[in-house]
Structure formats: C-alpha cells, structure tokens
C-alpha atoms as a PDB file:
ATOM      1  CA  UNK A   1       0.030   0.090   0.004  1.00  0.00           C
ATOM      2  CA  UNK A   2       1.450   3.368  -1.083  1.00  0.00           C
ATOM      3  CA  UNK A   3       0.376   6.412   0.606  1.00  0.00           C
ATOM      4  CA  UNK A   4      -0.360   9.465  -1.714  1.00  0.00           C
ATOM      5  CA  UNK A   5      -1.562  11.845   0.849  1.00  0.00           C
ATOM      6  CA  UNK A   6      -1.600  11.803   4.590  1.00  0.00           C
ATOM      7  CA  UNK A   7      -3.802  15.028   6.091  1.00  0.00           C
ATOM      8  CA  UNK A   8      -5.539  15.456   9.399  1.00  0.00           C
ATOM      9  CA  UNK A   9      -7.435  18.265  10.904  1.00  0.00           C
ATOM     10  CA  UNK A  10      -8.273  18.228  14.403  1.00  0.00           C
ATOM     11  CA  UNK A  11     -12.201  19.402  14.452  1.00  0.00           C
ATOM     12  CA  UNK A  12     -12.826  18.916  18.200  1.00  0.00           C
ATOM     13  CA  UNK A  13     -16.194  16.621  17.063  1.00  0.00           C
ATOM     14  CA  UNK A  14     -15.733  14.337  20.369  1.00  0.00           C
ATOM     15  CA  UNK A  15     -15.709  17.932  22.941  1.00  0.00           C
ATOM     16  CA  UNK A  16     -18.820  19.324  21.220  1.00  0.00           C
ATOM     17  CA  UNK A  17     -20.505  15.835  21.461  1.00  0.00           C
ATOM     18  CA  UNK A  18     -19.719  15.534  25.083  1.00  0.00           C
ATOM     19  CA  UNK A  19     -20.611  19.447  26.119  1.00  0.00           C
ATOM     20  CA  UNK A  20     -23.852  19.347  24.317  1.00  0.00           C
ATOM     21  CA  UNK A  21     -24.657  15.951  22.863  1.00  0.00           C
ATOM     22  CA  UNK A  22     -25.041  16.457  19.166  1.00  0.00           C
ATOM     23  CA  UNK A  23     -22.570  18.681  16.461  1.00  0.00           C
ATOM     24  CA  UNK A  24     -25.688  21.237  15.493  1.00  0.00           C
ATOM     25  CA  UNK A  25     -25.843  22.974  12.270  1.00  0.00           C
ATOM     26  CA  UNK A  26     -22.355  25.173  12.110  1.00  0.00           C
ATOM     27  CA  UNK A  27     -20.152  21.894  13.289  1.00  0.00           C
ATOM     28  CA  UNK A  28     -21.919  19.707  10.926  1.00  0.00           C
ATOM     29  CA  UNK A  29     -21.077  22.112   7.843  1.00  0.00           C
ATOM     30  CA  UNK A  30     -17.553  22.263   8.816  1.00  0.00           C
ATOM     31  CA  UNK A  31     -16.870  18.436   8.803  1.00  0.00           C
ATOM     32  CA  UNK A  32     -18.777  18.133   5.678  1.00  0.00           C
ATOM     33  CA  UNK A  33     -16.655  20.787   4.365  1.00  0.00           C
ATOM     34  CA  UNK A  34     -13.551  19.132   5.470  1.00  0.00           C
ATOM     35  CA  UNK A  35     -14.734  15.723   3.812  1.00  0.00           C
ATOM     36  CA  UNK A  36     -15.805  17.610   0.759  1.00  0.00           C
ATOM     37  CA  UNK A  37     -11.795  18.204   0.453  1.00  0.00           C
ATOM     38  CA  UNK A  38     -10.681  14.975   1.434  1.00  0.00           C
ATOM     39  CA  UNK A  39     -12.636  13.690  -1.466  1.00  0.00           C
ATOM     40  CA  UNK A  40     -11.733  16.028  -4.142  1.00  0.00           C
ATOM     41  CA  UNK A  41      -8.027  14.771  -3.181  1.00  0.00           C
ATOM     42  CA  UNK A  42      -8.629  11.446  -3.459  1.00  0.00           C
ATOM     43  CA  UNK A  43     -10.954  11.739  -6.901  1.00  0.00           C
ATOM     44  CA  UNK A  44      -7.740  13.985  -8.426  1.00  0.00           C
ATOM     45  CA  UNK A  45      -5.575  11.182  -7.457  1.00  0.00           C
ATOM     46  CA  UNK A  46      -7.446   8.716  -9.433  1.00  0.00           C
ATOM     47  CA  UNK A  47      -9.827   7.120  -6.436  1.00  0.00           C
ATOM     48  CA  UNK A  48     -12.878   5.279  -7.496  1.00  0.00           C
ATOM     49  CA  UNK A  49     -14.433   4.957  -4.698  1.00  0.00           C
ATOM     50  CA  UNK A  50     -14.059   7.159  -1.504  1.00  0.00           C
ATOM     51  CA  UNK A  51     -15.350   5.465   1.939  1.00  0.00           C
ATOM     52  CA  UNK A  52     -15.735   7.726   5.268  1.00  0.00           C
ATOM     53  CA  UNK A  53     -16.529   6.404   8.233  1.00  0.00           C
ATOM     54  CA  UNK A  54     -17.626   7.714  11.713  1.00  0.00           C
ATOM     55  CA  UNK A  55     -16.499   6.784  14.888  1.00  0.00           C
ATOM     56  CA  UNK A  56     -17.033   7.519  18.648  1.00  0.00           C
ATOM     57  CA  UNK A  57     -18.243  11.133  18.260  1.00  0.00           C
ATOM     58  CA  UNK A  58     -20.714  10.310  15.720  1.00  0.00           C
ATOM     59  CA  UNK A  59     -21.899   7.001  17.201  1.00  0.00           C
ATOM     60  CA  UNK A  60     -23.099   9.299  20.339  1.00  0.00           C
ATOM     61  CA  UNK A  61     -24.115  12.049  18.266  1.00  0.00           C
ATOM     62  CA  UNK A  62     -28.358  13.194  18.663  1.00  0.00           C
ATOM     63  CA  UNK A  63     -27.653  14.471  14.920  1.00  0.00           C
ATOM     64  CA  UNK A  64     -26.144  11.352  13.459  1.00  0.00           C
ATOM     65  CA  UNK A  65     -28.636  10.649  11.014  1.00  0.00           C
ATOM     66  CA  UNK A  66     -27.862  14.257   9.792  1.00  0.00           C
ATOM     67  CA  UNK A  67     -24.446  14.092   9.993  1.00  0.00           C
ATOM     68  CA  UNK A  68     -24.661  10.964   7.455  1.00  0.00           C
ATOM     69  CA  UNK A  69     -27.199  12.639   5.417  1.00  0.00           C
ATOM     70  CA  UNK A  70     -25.096  16.161   4.991  1.00  0.00           C
ATOM     71  CA  UNK A  71     -21.760  14.656   4.337  1.00  0.00           C
ATOM     72  CA  UNK A  72     -23.021  11.862   1.833  1.00  0.00           C
ATOM     73  CA  UNK A  73     -25.224  15.021  -0.348  1.00  0.00           C
ATOM     74  CA  UNK A  74     -22.046  17.131  -0.118  1.00  0.00           C
ATOM     75  CA  UNK A  75     -18.990  14.772  -0.684  1.00  0.00           C
ATOM     76  CA  UNK A  76     -20.912  11.833  -3.290  1.00  0.00           C
ATOM     77  CA  UNK A  77     -19.520   9.794  -0.405  1.00  0.00           C
ATOM     78  CA  UNK A  78     -20.844   7.486   2.198  1.00  0.00           C
ATOM     79  CA  UNK A  79     -20.249   7.628   5.649  1.00  0.00           C
ATOM     80  CA  UNK A  80     -20.213   4.429   7.476  1.00  0.00           C
ATOM     81  CA  UNK A  81     -20.969   4.562  11.421  1.00  0.00           C
ATOM     82  CA  UNK A  82     -19.091   1.855  12.662  1.00  0.00           C
ATOM     83  CA  UNK A  83     -19.518   0.482  16.106  1.00  0.00           C
ATOM     84  CA  UNK A  84     -16.757   0.184  18.646  1.00  0.00           C
ATOM     85  CA  UNK A  85     -16.313  -3.559  17.427  1.00  0.00           C
ATOM     86  CA  UNK A  86     -16.119  -2.740  13.815  1.00  0.00           C
ATOM     87  CA  UNK A  87     -13.821  -0.322  14.290  1.00  0.00           C
ATOM     88  CA  UNK A  88     -11.440  -2.665  16.500  1.00  0.00           C
ATOM     89  CA  UNK A  89     -11.427  -5.306  13.773  1.00  0.00           C
ATOM     90  CA  UNK A  90     -10.941  -2.737  11.050  1.00  0.00           C
ATOM     91  CA  UNK A  91      -7.423  -1.418  13.335  1.00  0.00           C
ATOM     92  CA  UNK A  92      -6.842  -4.701  13.910  1.00  0.00           C
ATOM     93  CA  UNK A  93      -6.842  -5.418  10.103  1.00  0.00           C
ATOM     94  CA  UNK A  94      -4.398  -2.630   9.573  1.00  0.00           C
ATOM     95  CA  UNK A  95      -1.915  -3.292  11.980  1.00  0.00           C
ATOM     96  CA  UNK A  96      -1.873  -6.945  10.725  1.00  0.00           C
ATOM     97  CA  UNK A  97      -2.235  -5.855   6.685  1.00  0.00           C
ATOM     98  CA  UNK A  98      -4.314  -8.288   6.252  1.00  0.00           C
ATOM     99  CA  UNK A  99      -1.975 -11.066   7.022  1.00  0.00           C
ATOM    100  CA  UNK A 100      -2.898 -14.286   9.247  1.00  0.00           C
ATOM    101  CA  UNK A 101      -1.785 -13.886  12.722  1.00  0.00           C
ATOM    102  CA  UNK A 102       0.153 -16.425  14.386  1.00  0.00           C
ATOM    103  CA  UNK A 103       0.334 -15.465  18.144  1.00  0.00           C
ATOM    104  CA  UNK A 104      -2.372 -13.554  20.110  1.00  0.00           C
ATOM    105  CA  UNK A 105      -2.195 -10.009  20.113  1.00  0.00           C
ATOM    106  CA  UNK A 106      -4.003  -7.334  21.271  1.00  0.00           C
ATOM    107  CA  UNK A 107      -4.738  -3.925  19.345  1.00  0.00           C
ATOM    108  CA  UNK A 108      -5.799  -0.662  21.316  1.00  0.00           C
ATOM    109  CA  UNK A 109      -6.495   2.492  19.965  1.00  0.00           C
ATOM    110  CA  UNK A 110      -6.772   5.423  22.520  1.00  0.00           C
ATOM    111  CA  UNK A 111      -8.937   7.718  21.264  1.00  0.00           C
ATOM    112  CA  UNK A 112     -10.347  10.975  22.500  1.00  0.00           C
ATOM    113  CA  UNK A 113     -13.674   9.623  23.958  1.00  0.00           C
ATOM    114  CA  UNK A 114     -13.409   6.209  23.690  1.00  0.00           C
ATOM    115  CA  UNK A 115     -10.838   3.455  22.980  1.00  0.00           C
ATOM    116  CA  UNK A 116     -10.812   0.311  21.342  1.00  0.00           C
ATOM    117  CA  UNK A 117      -9.719  -3.042  22.365  1.00  0.00           C
ATOM    118  CA  UNK A 118      -9.373  -6.195  19.806  1.00  0.00           C
ATOM    119  CA  UNK A 119      -7.719  -9.453  20.697  1.00  0.00           C
ATOM    120  CA  UNK A 120      -7.306 -12.412  18.206  1.00  0.00           C
ATOM    121  CA  UNK A 121      -5.241 -15.258  17.472  1.00  0.00           C
ATOM    122  CA  UNK A 122      -4.751 -18.078  14.709  1.00  0.00           C
ATOM    123  CA  UNK A 123      -7.448 -19.891  16.190  1.00  0.00           C
ATOM    124  CA  UNK A 124     -10.436 -18.203  18.048  1.00  0.00           C
ATOM    125  CA  UNK A 125     -13.005 -15.584  16.895  1.00  0.00           C
ATOM    126  CA  UNK A 126     -11.616 -12.479  17.506  1.00  0.00           C
ATOM    127  CA  UNK A 127     -13.269 -10.107  20.385  1.00  0.00           C
ATOM    128  CA  UNK A 128     -13.535  -6.552  20.258  1.00  0.00           C
ATOM    129  CA  UNK A 129     -14.735  -4.322  22.969  1.00  0.00           C
ATOM    130  CA  UNK A 130     -15.097  -0.491  22.756  1.00  0.00           C
ATOM    131  CA  UNK A 131     -14.807   1.544  25.981  1.00  0.00           C
ATOM    132  CA  UNK A 132     -15.974   4.873  27.577  1.00  0.00           C
ATOM    133  CA  UNK A 133     -12.565   5.784  28.315  1.00  0.00           C
ATOM    134  CA  UNK A 134     -10.902   8.961  25.980  1.00  0.00           C
ATOM    135  CA  UNK A 135      -8.046  11.437  26.893  1.00  0.00           C
ATOM    136  CA  UNK A 136     -10.454  14.593  25.976  1.00  0.00           C
ATOM    137  CA  UNK A 137     -12.770  12.967  28.572  1.00  0.00           C
ATOM    138  CA  UNK A 138     -10.480  12.369  31.235  1.00  0.00           C
ATOM    139  CA  UNK A 139      -9.105  15.482  30.542  1.00  0.00           C
ATOM    140  CA  UNK A 140     -12.543  17.255  30.913  1.00  0.00           C
ATOM    141  CA  UNK A 141     -13.811  15.614  33.648  1.00  0.00           C
ATOM    142  CA  UNK A 142     -10.394  15.886  35.820  1.00  0.00           C
ATOM    143  CA  UNK A 143      -7.868  18.766  34.667  1.00  0.00           C
ATOM    144  CA  UNK A 144      -8.151  22.596  35.323  1.00  0.00           C
ATOM    145  CA  UNK A 145      -4.481  23.315  35.302  1.00  0.00           C
ATOM    146  CA  UNK A 146      -2.133  23.661  32.192  1.00  0.00           C
ATOM    147  CA  UNK A 147      -0.042  21.503  32.767  1.00  0.00           C
ATOM    148  CA  UNK A 148      -2.187  19.244  34.906  1.00  0.00           C
ATOM    149  CA  UNK A 149      -1.249  19.033  38.727  1.00  0.00           C
ATOM    150  CA  UNK A 150       0.070  15.735  40.194  1.00  0.00           C
ATOM    151  CA  UNK A 151      -3.209  15.179  41.830  1.00  0.00           C
ATOM    152  CA  UNK A 152      -4.831  15.208  38.555  1.00  0.00           C
ATOM    153  CA  UNK A 153      -2.825  12.889  36.644  1.00  0.00           C
ATOM    154  CA  UNK A 154      -3.139  10.771  39.502  1.00  0.00           C
ATOM    155  CA  UNK A 155      -6.649  10.843  39.483  1.00  0.00           C
ATOM    156  CA  UNK A 156      -7.126  10.336  35.597  1.00  0.00           C
ATOM    157  CA  UNK A 157      -5.176   7.488  36.030  1.00  0.00           C
ATOM    158  CA  UNK A 158      -7.062   5.856  38.866  1.00  0.00           C
ATOM    159  CA  UNK A 159     -10.096   6.274  36.726  1.00  0.00           C
ATOM    160  CA  UNK A 160      -8.330   4.766  33.734  1.00  0.00           C
ATOM    161  CA  UNK A 161      -7.300   1.780  35.877  1.00  0.00           C
ATOM    162  CA  UNK A 162     -10.916   1.217  37.152  1.00  0.00           C
ATOM    163  CA  UNK A 163     -12.346   1.495  33.179  1.00  0.00           C
ATOM    164  CA  UNK A 164      -9.834  -0.721  31.767  1.00  0.00           C
ATOM    165  CA  UNK A 165     -10.375  -4.111  33.568  1.00  0.00           C
ATOM    166  CA  UNK A 166     -13.263  -4.052  31.404  1.00  0.00           C
ATOM    167  CA  UNK A 167     -11.194  -4.664  28.639  1.00  0.00           C
ATOM    168  CA  UNK A 168     -11.136  -8.344  27.116  1.00  0.00           C
ATOM    169  CA  UNK A 169      -9.315 -11.003  29.183  1.00  0.00           C
ATOM    170  CA  UNK A 170      -6.268 -12.041  27.020  1.00  0.00           C
ATOM    171  CA  UNK A 171      -2.622 -13.274  27.787  1.00  0.00           C
ATOM    172  CA  UNK A 172      -1.140 -11.190  24.550  1.00  0.00           C
ATOM    173  CA  UNK A 173       2.079 -11.698  23.304  1.00  0.00           C
ATOM    174  CA  UNK A 174       2.078  -8.787  21.626  1.00  0.00           C
ATOM    175  CA  UNK A 175       0.712  -5.298  22.231  1.00  0.00           C
ATOM    176  CA  UNK A 176       0.034  -3.012  19.322  1.00  0.00           C
ATOM    177  CA  UNK A 177      -1.210   0.757  20.197  1.00  0.00           C
ATOM    178  CA  UNK A 178      -2.418   2.850  16.704  1.00  0.00           C
ATOM    179  CA  UNK A 179      -3.672   6.516  16.567  1.00  0.00           C
ATOM    180  CA  UNK A 180      -2.758   9.951  17.465  1.00  0.00           C
ATOM    181  CA  UNK A 181      -2.227   9.246  21.346  1.00  0.00           C
ATOM    182  CA  UNK A 182       0.263   6.885  20.778  1.00  0.00           C
ATOM    183  CA  UNK A 183       1.971   8.498  17.829  1.00  0.00           C
ATOM    184  CA  UNK A 184       2.483  11.820  19.671  1.00  0.00           C
ATOM    185  CA  UNK A 185       3.284  10.349  22.745  1.00  0.00           C
ATOM    186  CA  UNK A 186       6.508   8.734  20.856  1.00  0.00           C
ATOM    187  CA  UNK A 187       6.840  12.817  19.902  1.00  0.00           C
ATOM    188  CA  UNK A 188       8.051  14.072  23.096  1.00  0.00           C
ATOM    189  CA  UNK A 189      10.634  11.202  23.701  1.00  0.00           C
ATOM    190  CA  UNK A 190      12.868  10.789  20.987  1.00  0.00           C
ATOM    191  CA  UNK A 191      14.363   7.216  22.099  1.00  0.00           C
ATOM    192  CA  UNK A 192      10.762   6.035  22.050  1.00  0.00           C
ATOM    193  CA  UNK A 193      10.096   7.793  18.718  1.00  0.00           C
ATOM    194  CA  UNK A 194      13.486   5.360  16.988  1.00  0.00           C
ATOM    195  CA  UNK A 195      12.038   2.198  17.685  1.00  0.00           C
ATOM    196  CA  UNK A 196       8.494   3.255  18.122  1.00  0.00           C
ATOM    197  CA  UNK A 197       7.994   1.478  21.637  1.00  0.00           C
ATOM    198  CA  UNK A 198       6.581   2.474  24.792  1.00  0.00           C
ATOM    199  CA  UNK A 199       7.167   1.418  28.392  1.00  0.00           C
ATOM    200  CA  UNK A 200       5.935   1.960  31.747  1.00  0.00           C
ATOM    201  CA  UNK A 201       9.117   4.137  32.108  1.00  0.00           C
ATOM    202  CA  UNK A 202       8.992   5.627  28.931  1.00  0.00           C
ATOM    203  CA  UNK A 203       5.274   6.899  29.719  1.00  0.00           C
ATOM    204  CA  UNK A 204       6.389   7.526  32.756  1.00  0.00           C
ATOM    205  CA  UNK A 205       9.552   9.785  31.735  1.00  0.00           C
ATOM    206  CA  UNK A 206       6.687  11.376  29.203  1.00  0.00           C
ATOM    207  CA  UNK A 207       4.447  12.425  31.705  1.00  0.00           C
ATOM    208  CA  UNK A 208       7.347  14.467  33.425  1.00  0.00           C
ATOM    209  CA  UNK A 209       8.215  16.254  30.546  1.00  0.00           C
ATOM    210  CA  UNK A 210       4.549  17.164  30.130  1.00  0.00           C
ATOM    211  CA  UNK A 211       4.232  18.352  33.517  1.00  0.00           C
ATOM    212  CA  UNK A 212       7.413  20.429  33.251  1.00  0.00           C
ATOM    213  CA  UNK A 213       5.566  23.394  30.753  1.00  0.00           C
ATOM    214  CA  UNK A 214       2.246  24.376  29.423  1.00  0.00           C
ATOM    215  CA  UNK A 215       0.764  22.542  26.604  1.00  0.00           C
ATOM    216  CA  UNK A 216       1.149  25.619  24.253  1.00  0.00           C
ATOM    217  CA  UNK A 217       4.980  25.185  24.665  1.00  0.00           C
ATOM    218  CA  UNK A 218       4.806  21.624  24.437  1.00  0.00           C
ATOM    219  CA  UNK A 219       3.240  21.527  21.421  1.00  0.00           C
ATOM    220  CA  UNK A 220       5.882  23.917  20.119  1.00  0.00           C
ATOM    221  CA  UNK A 221       9.052  22.097  21.392  1.00  0.00           C
ATOM    222  CA  UNK A 222       7.606  18.315  20.454  1.00  0.00           C
ATOM    223  CA  UNK A 223       5.298  19.187  16.835  1.00  0.00           C
ATOM    224  CA  UNK A 224       2.065  18.469  18.291  1.00  0.00           C
ATOM    225  CA  UNK A 225      -1.319  19.999  17.546  1.00  0.00           C
ATOM    226  CA  UNK A 226      -1.773  22.263  20.437  1.00  0.00           C
ATOM    227  CA  UNK A 227      -5.128  20.626  21.280  1.00  0.00           C
ATOM    228  CA  UNK A 228      -3.408  17.194  21.603  1.00  0.00           C
ATOM    229  CA  UNK A 229      -0.650  18.357  23.424  1.00  0.00           C
ATOM    230  CA  UNK A 230      -3.395  19.215  26.514  1.00  0.00           C
ATOM    231  CA  UNK A 231      -5.396  15.593  26.083  1.00  0.00           C
ATOM    232  CA  UNK A 232      -1.394  14.034  25.952  1.00  0.00           C
ATOM    233  CA  UNK A 233      -1.132  13.543  29.771  1.00  0.00           C
ATOM    234  CA  UNK A 234      -4.560  11.785  29.940  1.00  0.00           C
ATOM    235  CA  UNK A 235      -3.465   9.409  26.938  1.00  0.00           C
ATOM    236  CA  UNK A 236      -0.556   8.491  29.019  1.00  0.00           C
ATOM    237  CA  UNK A 237      -1.989   7.628  32.034  1.00  0.00           C
ATOM    238  CA  UNK A 238      -4.446   5.733  29.835  1.00  0.00           C
ATOM    239  CA  UNK A 239      -1.486   3.906  28.076  1.00  0.00           C
ATOM    240  CA  UNK A 240      -0.263   3.116  31.572  1.00  0.00           C
ATOM    241  CA  UNK A 241      -3.483   1.533  32.898  1.00  0.00           C
ATOM    242  CA  UNK A 242      -3.320  -0.919  29.543  1.00  0.00           C
ATOM    243  CA  UNK A 243       0.088  -1.991  30.501  1.00  0.00           C
ATOM    244  CA  UNK A 244      -0.709  -2.811  34.334  1.00  0.00           C
ATOM    245  CA  UNK A 245      -3.758  -4.572  33.134  1.00  0.00           C
ATOM    246  CA  UNK A 246      -2.340  -7.253  30.780  1.00  0.00           C
ATOM    247  CA  UNK A 247       1.043  -7.364  32.836  1.00  0.00           C
ATOM    248  CA  UNK A 248       3.171  -6.208  29.728  1.00  0.00           C
ATOM    249  CA  UNK A 249       5.946  -4.396  29.944  1.00  0.00           C
ATOM    250  CA  UNK A 250       6.052  -2.690  26.206  1.00  0.00           C
ATOM    251  CA  UNK A 251       3.635  -1.673  23.367  1.00  0.00           C
ATOM    252  CA  UNK A 252       4.671  -1.181  20.237  1.00  0.00           C
ATOM    253  CA  UNK A 253       3.185   1.790  18.311  1.00  0.00           C
ATOM    254  CA  UNK A 254       2.052   1.329  14.606  1.00  0.00           C
ATOM    255  CA  UNK A 255       1.507   3.547  12.174  1.00  0.00           C
ATOM    256  CA  UNK A 256      -0.791   1.804  10.279  1.00  0.00           C
ATOM    257  CA  UNK A 257      -4.384   1.516  11.814  1.00  0.00           C
ATOM    258  CA  UNK A 258      -8.118   1.863  10.870  1.00  0.00           C
ATOM    259  CA  UNK A 259      -7.808   3.969   7.725  1.00  0.00           C
ATOM    260  CA  UNK A 260      -5.564   1.164   6.012  1.00  0.00           C
ATOM    261  CA  UNK A 261      -7.432  -1.962   7.586  1.00  0.00           C
ATOM    262  CA  UNK A 262     -10.504  -0.067   5.908  1.00  0.00           C
ATOM    263  CA  UNK A 263      -9.162   0.631   2.625  1.00  0.00           C
ATOM    264  CA  UNK A 264      -7.517  -3.443   2.803  1.00  0.00           C
ATOM    265  CA  UNK A 265     -11.404  -4.724   3.227  1.00  0.00           C
ATOM    266  CA  UNK A 266     -13.015  -2.486   1.284  1.00  0.00           C
ATOM    267  CA  UNK A 267     -10.862  -3.197  -1.723  1.00  0.00           C
ATOM    268  CA  UNK A 268     -11.245  -6.881  -0.948  1.00  0.00           C
ATOM    269  CA  UNK A 269     -14.549  -7.428   0.076  1.00  0.00           C
ATOM    270  CA  UNK A 270     -16.477  -4.496  -1.775  1.00  0.00           C
ATOM    271  CA  UNK A 271     -19.863  -3.118  -0.558  1.00  0.00           C
ATOM    272  CA  UNK A 272     -20.195  -6.222   1.700  1.00  0.00           C
ATOM    273  CA  UNK A 273     -16.874  -5.160   3.822  1.00  0.00           C
ATOM    274  CA  UNK A 274     -19.497  -4.652   7.271  1.00  0.00           C
ATOM    275  CA  UNK A 275     -20.889  -8.302   7.029  1.00  0.00           C
ATOM    276  CA  UNK A 276     -17.457  -9.956   6.451  1.00  0.00           C
ATOM    277  CA  UNK A 277     -15.234  -8.398   8.939  1.00  0.00           C
ATOM    278  CA  UNK A 278     -15.224 -11.189  11.547  1.00  0.00           C
ATOM    279  CA  UNK A 279     -13.429 -13.302   9.475  1.00  0.00           C
ATOM    280  CA  UNK A 280     -11.868 -11.035   7.715  1.00  0.00           C
ATOM    281  CA  UNK A 281     -10.109  -9.814  11.090  1.00  0.00           C
ATOM    282  CA  UNK A 282      -8.081 -13.444  11.063  1.00  0.00           C
ATOM    283  CA  UNK A 283      -6.537 -12.520   7.800  1.00  0.00           C
ATOM    284  CA  UNK A 284      -6.736 -13.583   3.954  1.00  0.00           C
ATOM    285  CA  UNK A 285      -3.587 -12.558   2.292  1.00  0.00           C
ATOM    286  CA  UNK A 286      -0.690 -15.181   1.761  1.00  0.00           C
END
C-alpha cells in the first residue's frame, strides 16, 4: 500500500458531543466541508470509490442521521458509522495488513472519547470491545491546570485503571497501539520515536516532561497539535493503565490503523465489507 496523501485536521467533534450531545448545523457544515475536500483530493489522485468512517463522536451524536445525510449529499461518498467492534476489527486489519495472525495479539486505539480493544489469535474468533475512556474525556473530567497537576494526573490514571478492568481478558504475546495518542506520545521522547515502543518507564518520563511546561510550549517543542498536547497526559495515563491491566512491559506503536484497515477490506470485499469483518480479522492475504 502506497500513501499518496496523509492529512488530518482536529475538529473537536468529541468535545462538542461531550458538551451538548450533538454537533449542530455549524459543526456539521465544517465537518462536511472538510470531507468534501478530502474526497476531491482522493478523486484527483484517481480514486474511484471513497469511503468515510464515523467513530465514537458520531456514534454518540444525537444528530448522527443528519451528519450522515449531509456528508453523503455534499461529498457524494457514504459515511459509515461503525460500531466499537467494527472499528476494532478494522484497526486490527490495518496493523496486520490482512495477513494471518500467528500469536495472540492485542490491538488498542486510545481516542478522545473512547478506546477500542481487539484480541485475536490463530484459532478463536476475534474479540473486540469499546470502552468509554478517552484522553479528551479524562482531561475534561479531571484537569483544570495547565500543565495538569500531579494530583490530576493521578486521578486520571486511577479512573483509567478502573475502566480498563472491563477490557477483554487476554494473555497477549504482543500489545500494539495505533492512533494519535500513541504516535504523539512517541514525539515527546526521541528514544521512543526511534524504535516506536512505549514502556512504563518511558510513559513516566513522557508524563514528567509534559508536567514541566504548558500545553502550548509542549506543542511547539514536540511538534504536536496544541489541542492534542493539552489532552496527551490523559493519553499517557490510559496507556499506562493498559500495560498494568495486561501485565505487559511494552507497547509497540504501529503507523497503520483503522484507515489502512478500511482501505484493505473495501478493496478486498467490496460493498459487503461490513458483513465479513469477523472473518477478515483473521487475515486472508498470503
């Protein structure tokens, strides 16, 4: 798979849903305009089919139906609002690139409003769970200082430990993290960025660095989106809780994730991709 364009924008969808339960006309318009721009870029590069996914913020939005309708009309491409389970399977497929899984693997994606967990091995059906624990959610609940105080970070970690207890039982040979939380934690610590690995000691080091300066300074120093920098300590707390939950000593951070998984399954299975996700999670490529 060759990446032609890799672009992201932080729209604050999760915060909007958390505050009022819906996006509203203005925010829906901003989202639709962003996706129209993405679709136009893809088509200029030769894409025949364009697929959009709606994850946790859209799942919880009271105006989700309006979001789906307006994006479809504006962009000419479908917006699929996927379940926690579907999102986890797509993320897993992005990590494995559709290759068969040979050992028990846990894939996690810590987002702003939720975290997805998927466990798969060579024999049993894959297991996926979405938990209502995310970096933006924890920050909004516990943090009033910039940078967060030691007490606020401790409170976030305690809350994360409590929620992560409900993650799937597993004894993974490997834990893999995907998404913005994991990749931005790497940016804070050059040694972690080199081998794309987070350990408990490295997470503690990152937390100490983030606690030493305001989010704006951290964003500039480490080349992180300013909004992301504000919620990154919460992401570190969740990652540490995941390592604790599974008795693991390290997390490998993958550059691939739900986007790559979606590209692979749509290309392989066509319009019926959602009906085949459970089977596809085991891999089909040789």
